[in-house]
Each structure stands twice: as C-alpha cells, then as structure tokens.
Amino acid sequence: MEIKILGPGCAKCKATAEMIARVAGEAGRDVTIEKIEDMRQIVGFGVMTTPAVVIGGKVVHKGTVPSHDQVLDWLN
C-alpha cells in the first residue's frame, strides 16, 4: 500500500509518518510512505492544511496527526 504524507516537514508531518509506520508495523501491513514537501504538489491535491494523508490518490485526512484507530481503519 502506498501512502503519501503531504506537508512541509513540520513536527506534525513527521509525527504523522511515524504514526502510520508504527501502526502498519503493529498490524503487519506492508506500506510505502512517500513524503511530499513541494507546495505545488500539495496544493495540487487541493490541500490547504497539513499534514495531509493520501491513499489511493484520495485525501483521507488533513490538518492534524491522525489517531491510531484512524490509521488502522485505513490499513484495513
């Protein structure tokens, strides 16, 4: 599963990537996390608040660090 984290590299963006990696590891899911920091690409997804999470080309979350349960739902 490919997951994109959109954001400028702020603390919340890093925490989002860490949360997804941790939950994926706990769930035994193989994920590839791509961090996108280029503002033109981020805006291209229609995102104005970061961090944002994109799965399957769709923005599934934006503006906050997702919870453990939210990430688990995405992975299932």
PDB file of N, CA and C in Angstrom:
ATOM      1  N   MET A   1       0.848  -1.174   0.000  1.00  0.00           N
ATOM      2  CA  MET A   1       0.000   0.000   0.000  1.00  0.00           C
ATOM      3  C   MET A   1       0.891   1.233   0.000  1.00  0.00           C
ATOM      4  N   GLU A   2       0.586   2.166  -0.873  1.00  0.00           N
ATOM      5  CA  GLU A   2       1.349   3.401  -0.948  1.00  0.00           C
ATOM      6  C   GLU A   2       0.577   4.522  -0.249  1.00  0.00           C
ATOM      7  N   ILE A   3       1.257   5.189   0.684  1.00  0.00           N
ATOM      8  CA  ILE A   3       0.649   6.280   1.445  1.00  0.00           C
ATOM      9  C   ILE A   3       1.532   7.513   1.272  1.00  0.00           C
ATOM     10  N   LYS A   4       0.900   8.630   0.970  1.00  0.00           N
ATOM     11  CA  LYS A   4       1.634   9.887   0.820  1.00  0.00           C
ATOM     12  C   LYS A   4       1.312  10.792   2.004  1.00  0.00           C
ATOM     13  N   ILE A   5       2.350  11.396   2.555  1.00  0.00           N
ATOM     14  CA  ILE A   5       2.202  12.385   3.613  1.00  0.00           C
ATOM     15  C   ILE A   5       2.529  13.735   2.979  1.00  0.00           C
ATOM     16  N   LEU A   6       1.565  14.633   2.984  1.00  0.00           N
ATOM     17  CA  LEU A   6       1.765  15.960   2.408  1.00  0.00           C
ATOM     18  C   LEU A   6       2.039  16.956   3.518  1.00  0.00           C
ATOM     19  N   GLY A   7       3.115  17.701   3.397  1.00  0.00           N
ATOM     20  CA  GLY A   7       3.423  18.719   4.383  1.00  0.00           C
ATOM     21  C   GLY A   7       4.842  19.219   4.230  1.00  0.00           C
ATOM     22  N   PRO A   8       5.134  20.365   4.842  1.00  0.00           N
ATOM     23  CA  PRO A   8       6.426  20.999   4.665  1.00  0.00           C
ATOM     24  C   PRO A   8       7.556  20.396   5.498  1.00  0.00           C
ATOM     25  N   GLY A   9       7.307  19.311   6.199  1.00  0.00           N
ATOM     26  CA  GLY A   9       8.337  18.702   7.029  1.00  0.00           C
ATOM     27  C   GLY A   9       8.264  19.155   8.480  1.00  0.00           C
ATOM     28  N   CYS A  10       7.118  19.656   8.869  1.00  0.00           N
ATOM     29  CA  CYS A  10       6.923  20.139  10.238  1.00  0.00           C
ATOM     30  C   CYS A  10       6.828  18.965  11.225  1.00  0.00           C
ATOM     31  N   ALA A  11       6.781  19.275  12.505  1.00  0.00           N
ATOM     32  CA  ALA A  11       6.716  18.254  13.545  1.00  0.00           C
ATOM     33  C   ALA A  11       5.475  17.376  13.396  1.00  0.00           C
ATOM     34  N   LYS A  12       4.340  17.968  13.038  1.00  0.00           N
ATOM     35  CA  LYS A  12       3.110  17.189  12.875  1.00  0.00           C
ATOM     36  C   LYS A  12       3.212  16.247  11.673  1.00  0.00           C
ATOM     37  N   CYS A  13       3.898  16.695  10.628  1.00  0.00           N
ATOM     38  CA  CYS A  13       4.088  15.848   9.444  1.00  0.00           C
ATOM     39  C   CYS A  13       4.949  14.645   9.793  1.00  0.00           C
ATOM     40  N   LYS A  14       6.013  14.879  10.538  1.00  0.00           N
ATOM     41  CA  LYS A  14       6.894  13.796  10.960  1.00  0.00           C
ATOM     42  C   LYS A  14       6.149  12.837  11.887  1.00  0.00           C
ATOM     43  N   ALA A  15       5.342  13.383  12.802  1.00  0.00           N
ATOM     44  CA  ALA A  15       4.573  12.546  13.727  1.00  0.00           C
ATOM     45  C   ALA A  15       3.551  11.701  12.967  1.00  0.00           C
ATOM     46  N   THR A  16       2.979  12.258  11.909  1.00  0.00           N
ATOM     47  CA  THR A  16       2.021  11.510  11.084  1.00  0.00           C
ATOM     48  C   THR A  16       2.704  10.330  10.404  1.00  0.00           C
ATOM     49  N   ALA A  17       3.873  10.566   9.829  1.00  0.00           N
ATOM     50  CA  ALA A  17       4.620   9.494   9.165  1.00  0.00           C
ATOM     51  C   ALA A  17       5.011   8.414  10.174  1.00  0.00           C
ATOM     52  N   GLU A  18       5.443   8.836  11.356  1.00  0.00           N
ATOM     53  CA  GLU A  18       5.827   7.879  12.393  1.00  0.00           C
ATOM     54  C   GLU A  18       4.630   7.063  12.863  1.00  0.00           C
ATOM     55  N   MET A  19       3.483   7.707  13.018  1.00  0.00           N
ATOM     56  CA  MET A  19       2.270   7.012  13.458  1.00  0.00           C
ATOM     57  C   MET A  19       1.864   5.952  12.432  1.00  0.00           C
ATOM     58  N   ILE A  20       1.869   6.317  11.171  1.00  0.00           N
ATOM     59  CA  ILE A  20       1.481   5.368  10.122  1.00  0.00           C
ATOM     60  C   ILE A  20       2.450   4.199  10.076  1.00  0.00           C
ATOM     61  N   ALA A  21       3.745   4.475  10.159  1.00  0.00           N
ATOM     62  CA  ALA A  21       4.739   3.401  10.133  1.00  0.00           C
ATOM     63  C   ALA A  21       4.573   2.476  11.338  1.00  0.00           C
ATOM     64  N   ARG A  22       4.326   3.041  12.506  1.00  0.00           N
ATOM     65  CA  ARG A  22       4.167   2.241  13.718  1.00  0.00           C
ATOM     66  C   ARG A  22       2.944   1.348  13.639  1.00  0.00           C
ATOM     67  N   VAL A  23       1.800   1.921  13.251  1.00  0.00           N
ATOM     68  CA  VAL A  23       0.560   1.150  13.170  1.00  0.00           C
ATOM     69  C   VAL A  23       0.667   0.072  12.088  1.00  0.00           C
ATOM     70  N   ALA A  24       1.284   0.394  10.970  1.00  0.00           N
ATOM     71  CA  ALA A  24       1.469  -0.598   9.904  1.00  0.00           C
ATOM     72  C   ALA A  24       2.312  -1.758  10.398  1.00  0.00           C
ATOM     73  N   GLY A  25       3.357  -1.449  11.150  1.00  0.00           N
ATOM     74  CA  GLY A  25       4.208  -2.494  11.705  1.00  0.00           C
ATOM     75  C   GLY A  25       3.448  -3.374  12.680  1.00  0.00           C
ATOM     76  N   GLU A  26       2.652  -2.748  13.546  1.00  0.00           N
ATOM     77  CA  GLU A  26       1.850  -3.498  14.518  1.00  0.00           C
ATOM     78  C   GLU A  26       0.835  -4.394  13.821  1.00  0.00           C
ATOM     79  N   ALA A  27       0.274  -3.905  12.721  1.00  0.00           N
ATOM     80  CA  ALA A  27      -0.762  -4.648  12.000  1.00  0.00           C
ATOM     81  C   ALA A  27      -0.165  -5.642  10.995  1.00  0.00           C
ATOM     82  N   GLY A  28       1.157  -5.606  10.821  1.00  0.00           N
ATOM     83  CA  GLY A  28       1.798  -6.497   9.875  1.00  0.00           C
ATOM     84  C   GLY A  28       1.507  -6.157   8.421  1.00  0.00           C
ATOM     85  N   ARG A  29       1.225  -4.891   8.166  1.00  0.00           N
ATOM     86  CA  ARG A  29       0.918  -4.438   6.805  1.00  0.00           C
ATOM     87  C   ARG A  29       2.158  -3.837   6.165  1.00  0.00           C
ATOM     88  N   ASP A  30       2.348  -4.144   4.884  1.00  0.00           N
ATOM     89  CA  ASP A  30       3.466  -3.618   4.121  1.00  0.00           C
ATOM     90  C   ASP A  30       3.032  -2.302   3.483  1.00  0.00           C
ATOM     91  N   VAL A  31       3.639  -1.200   3.906  1.00  0.00           N
ATOM     92  CA  VAL A  31       3.294   0.109   3.343  1.00  0.00           C
ATOM     93  C   VAL A  31       4.556   0.820   2.872  1.00  0.00           C
ATOM     94  N   THR A  32       4.363   1.644   1.876  1.00  0.00           N
ATOM     95  CA  THR A  32       5.408   2.542   1.404  1.00  0.00           C
ATOM     96  C   THR A  32       4.936   3.948   1.706  1.00  0.00           C
ATOM     97  N   ILE A  33       5.747   4.678   2.457  1.00  0.00           N
ATOM     98  CA  ILE A  33       5.385   6.048   2.822  1.00  0.00           C
ATOM     99  C   ILE A  33       6.239   7.009   1.999  1.00  0.00           C
ATOM    100  N   GLU A  34       5.547   7.886   1.292  1.00  0.00           N
ATOM    101  CA  GLU A  34       6.224   8.914   0.497  1.00  0.00           C
ATOM    102  C   GLU A  34       5.890  10.264   1.101  1.00  0.00           C
ATOM    103  N   LYS A  35       6.926  11.032   1.404  1.00  0.00           N
ATOM    104  CA  LYS A  35       6.715  12.375   1.949  1.00  0.00           C
ATOM    105  C   LYS A  35       6.802  13.377   0.811  1.00  0.00           C
ATOM    106  N   ILE A  36       5.778  14.190   0.692  1.00  0.00           N
ATOM    107  CA  ILE A  36       5.745  15.220  -0.348  1.00  0.00           C
ATOM    108  C   ILE A  36       5.780  16.581   0.346  1.00  0.00           C
ATOM    109  N   GLU A  37       6.861  17.317   0.105  1.00  0.00           N
ATOM    110  CA  GLU A  37       7.051  18.612   0.752  1.00  0.00           C
ATOM    111  C   GLU A  37       6.925  19.793  -0.206  1.00  0.00           C
ATOM    112  N   ASP A  38       6.829  19.512  -1.496  1.00  0.00           N
ATOM    113  CA  ASP A  38       6.721  20.567  -2.501  1.00  0.00           C
ATOM    114  C   ASP A  38       5.316  21.175  -2.455  1.00  0.00           C
ATOM    115  N   MET A  39       5.252  22.473  -2.208  1.00  0.00           N
ATOM    116  CA  MET A  39       3.948  23.132  -2.034  1.00  0.00           C
ATOM    117  C   MET A  39       3.078  23.057  -3.292  1.00  0.00           C
ATOM    118  N   ARG A  40       3.666  23.079  -4.448  1.00  0.00           N
ATOM    119  CA  ARG A  40       2.860  22.973  -5.680  1.00  0.00           C
ATOM    120  C   ARG A  40       2.170  21.622  -5.754  1.00  0.00           C
ATOM    121  N   GLN A  41       2.883  20.561  -5.399  1.00  0.00           N
ATOM    122  CA  GLN A  41       2.274  19.229  -5.399  1.00  0.00           C
ATOM    123  C   GLN A  41       1.187  19.131  -4.331  1.00  0.00           C
ATOM    124  N   ILE A  42       1.452  19.701  -3.161  1.00  0.00           N
ATOM    125  CA  ILE A  42       0.481  19.656  -2.064  1.00  0.00           C
ATOM    126  C   ILE A  42      -0.799  20.361  -2.480  1.00  0.00           C
ATOM    127  N   VAL A  43      -0.676  21.557  -3.027  1.00  0.00           N
ATOM    128  CA  VAL A  43      -1.846  22.316  -3.475  1.00  0.00           C
ATOM    129  C   VAL A  43      -2.554  21.581  -4.612  1.00  0.00           C
ATOM    130  N   GLY A  44      -1.798  20.842  -5.415  1.00  0.00           N
ATOM    131  CA  GLY A  44      -2.376  20.057  -6.498  1.00  0.00           C
ATOM    132  C   GLY A  44      -3.366  19.011  -6.007  1.00  0.00           C
ATOM    133  N   PHE A  45      -3.219  18.598  -4.758  1.00  0.00           N
ATOM    134  CA  PHE A  45      -4.169  17.661  -4.155  1.00  0.00           C
ATOM    135  C   PHE A  45      -5.364  18.392  -3.547  1.00  0.00           C
ATOM    136  N   GLY A  46      -5.362  19.733  -3.634  1.00  0.00           N
ATOM    137  CA  GLY A  46      -6.459  20.509  -3.059  1.00  0.00           C
ATOM    138  C   GLY A  46      -6.338  20.679  -1.556  1.00  0.00           C
ATOM    139  N   VAL A  47      -5.126  20.515  -1.046  1.00  0.00           N
ATOM    140  CA  VAL A  47      -4.888  20.580   0.397  1.00  0.00           C
ATOM    141  C   VAL A  47      -4.351  21.956   0.763  1.00  0.00           C
ATOM    142  N   MET A  48      -4.972  22.565   1.771  1.00  0.00           N
ATOM    143  CA  MET A  48      -4.507  23.860   2.253  1.00  0.00           C
ATOM    144  C   MET A  48      -4.012  23.781   3.693  1.00  0.00           C
ATOM    145  N   THR A  49      -4.313  22.678   4.387  1.00  0.00           N
ATOM    146  CA  THR A  49      -3.831  22.478   5.750  1.00  0.00           C
ATOM    147  C   THR A  49      -3.072  21.164   5.809  1.00  0.00           C
ATOM    148  N   THR A  50      -1.948  21.192   6.500  1.00  0.00           N
ATOM    149  CA  THR A  50      -1.125  19.993   6.608  1.00  0.00           C
ATOM    150  C   THR A  50      -0.974  19.614   8.074  1.00  0.00           C
ATOM    151  N   PRO A  51      -0.601  18.409   8.359  1.00  0.00           N
ATOM    152  CA  PRO A  51      -0.293  17.341   7.440  1.00  0.00           C
ATOM    153  C   PRO A  51      -1.550  16.772   6.795  1.00  0.00           C
ATOM    154  N   ALA A  52      -1.361  16.180   5.640  1.00  0.00           N
ATOM    155  CA  ALA A  52      -2.463  15.503   4.957  1.00  0.00           C
ATOM    156  C   ALA A  52      -1.979  14.111   4.557  1.00  0.00           C
ATOM    157  N   VAL A  53      -2.930  13.189   4.474  1.00  0.00           N
ATOM    158  CA  VAL A  53      -2.617  11.808   4.123  1.00  0.00           C
ATOM    159  C   VAL A  53      -3.391  11.451   2.860  1.00  0.00           C
ATOM    160  N   VAL A  54      -2.690  10.885   1.886  1.00  0.00           N
ATOM    161  CA  VAL A  54      -3.295  10.474   0.615  1.00  0.00           C
ATOM    162  C   VAL A  54      -3.102   8.970   0.460  1.00  0.00           C
ATOM    163  N   ILE A  55      -4.206   8.265   0.241  1.00  0.00           N
ATOM    164  CA  ILE A  55      -4.162   6.827  -0.009  1.00  0.00           C
ATOM    165  C   ILE A  55      -4.979   6.561  -1.261  1.00  0.00           C
ATOM    166  N   GLY A  56      -4.390   5.852  -2.205  1.00  0.00           N
ATOM    167  CA  GLY A  56      -5.087   5.543  -3.447  1.00  0.00           C
ATOM    168  C   GLY A  56      -5.476   6.779  -4.229  1.00  0.00           C
ATOM    169  N   GLY A  57      -4.669   7.834  -4.117  1.00  0.00           N
ATOM    170  CA  GLY A  57      -4.942   9.062  -4.851  1.00  0.00           C
ATOM    171  C   GLY A  57      -5.992   9.957  -4.225  1.00  0.00           C
ATOM    172  N   LYS A  58      -6.546   9.546  -3.074  1.00  0.00           N
ATOM    173  CA  LYS A  58      -7.578  10.334  -2.405  1.00  0.00           C
ATOM    174  C   LYS A  58      -7.076  10.856  -1.072  1.00  0.00           C
ATOM    175  N   VAL A  59      -7.374  12.111  -0.782  1.00  0.00           N
ATOM    176  CA  VAL A  59      -7.025  12.689   0.513  1.00  0.00           C
ATOM    177  C   VAL A  59      -7.978  12.098   1.547  1.00  0.00           C
ATOM    178  N   VAL A  60      -7.415  11.396   2.531  1.00  0.00           N
ATOM    179  CA  VAL A  60      -8.253  10.757   3.549  1.00  0.00           C
ATOM    180  C   VAL A  60      -8.203  11.483   4.890  1.00  0.00           C
ATOM    181  N   HIS A  61      -7.240  12.406   5.030  1.00  0.00           N
ATOM    182  CA  HIS A  61      -7.110  13.118   6.309  1.00  0.00           C
ATOM    183  C   HIS A  61      -6.299  14.382   6.083  1.00  0.00           C
ATOM    184  N   LYS A  62      -6.615  15.438   6.831  1.00  0.00           N
ATOM    185  CA  LYS A  62      -5.800  16.651   6.766  1.00  0.00           C
ATOM    186  C   LYS A  62      -5.955  17.489   8.021  1.00  0.00           C
ATOM    187  N   GLY A  63      -4.890  18.226   8.330  1.00  0.00           N
ATOM    188  CA  GLY A  63      -4.920  19.216   9.391  1.00  0.00           C
ATOM    189  C   GLY A  63      -4.412  18.789  10.747  1.00  0.00           C
ATOM    190  N   THR A  64      -4.422  17.490  11.057  1.00  0.00           N
ATOM    191  CA  THR A  64      -3.968  17.021  12.360  1.00  0.00           C
ATOM    192  C   THR A  64      -3.210  15.706  12.206  1.00  0.00           C
ATOM    193  N   VAL A  65      -2.554  15.305  13.282  1.00  0.00           N
ATOM    194  CA  VAL A  65      -1.924  13.981  13.308  1.00  0.00           C
ATOM    195  C   VAL A  65      -3.058  12.977  13.510  1.00  0.00           C
ATOM    196  N   PRO A  66      -3.175  11.986  12.637  1.00  0.00           N
ATOM    197  CA  PRO A  66      -4.262  11.016  12.778  1.00  0.00           C
ATOM    198  C   PRO A  66      -4.065  10.136  14.013  1.00  0.00           C
ATOM    199  N   SER A  67      -5.181   9.625  14.518  1.00  0.00           N
ATOM    200  CA  SER A  67      -5.112   8.736  15.677  1.00  0.00           C
ATOM    201  C   SER A  67      -4.727   7.327  15.246  1.00  0.00           C
ATOM    202  N   HIS A  68      -4.334   6.533  16.208  1.00  0.00           N
ATOM    203  CA  HIS A  68      -4.000   5.130  15.964  1.00  0.00           C
ATOM    204  C   HIS A  68      -5.165   4.424  15.284  1.00  0.00           C
ATOM    205  N   ASP A  69      -6.375   4.613  15.783  1.00  0.00           N
ATOM    206  CA  ASP A  69      -7.555   3.940  15.227  1.00  0.00           C
ATOM    207  C   ASP A  69      -7.861   4.381  13.802  1.00  0.00           C
ATOM    208  N   GLN A  70      -7.665   5.666  13.507  1.00  0.00           N
ATOM    209  CA  GLN A  70      -7.885   6.144  12.140  1.00  0.00           C
ATOM    210  C   GLN A  70      -6.933   5.448  11.175  1.00  0.00           C
ATOM    211  N   VAL A  71      -5.669   5.378  11.543  1.00  0.00           N
ATOM    212  CA  VAL A  71      -4.674   4.742  10.680  1.00  0.00           C
ATOM    213  C   VAL A  71      -5.007   3.263  10.494  1.00  0.00           C
ATOM    214  N   LEU A  72      -5.397   2.607  11.563  1.00  0.00           N
ATOM    215  CA  LEU A  72      -5.753   1.189  11.482  1.00  0.00           C
ATOM    216  C   LEU A  72      -6.916   0.985  10.524  1.00  0.00           C
ATOM    217  N   ASP A  73      -7.895   1.868  10.560  1.00  0.00           N
ATOM    218  CA  ASP A  73      -9.030   1.793   9.630  1.00  0.00           C
ATOM    219  C   ASP A  73      -8.561   1.911   8.183  1.00  0.00           C
ATOM    220  N   TRP A  74      -7.650   2.817   7.913  1.00  0.00           N
ATOM    221  CA  TRP A  74      -7.145   2.998   6.550  1.00  0.00           C
ATOM    222  C   TRP A  74      -6.429   1.751   6.062  1.00  0.00           C
ATOM    223  N   LEU A  75      -5.697   1.110   6.945  1.00  0.00           N
ATOM    224  CA  LEU A  75      -4.904  -0.058   6.577  1.00  0.00           C
ATOM    225  C   LEU A  75      -5.764  -1.297   6.371  1.00  0.00           C
ATOM    226  N   ASN A  76      -6.948  -1.282   6.929  1.00  0.00           N
ATOM    227  CA  ASN A  76      -7.858  -2.415   6.763  1.00  0.00           C
ATOM    228  C   ASN A  76      -8.818  -2.098   5.673  1.00  0.00           C
TER     229      ASN A  76
END
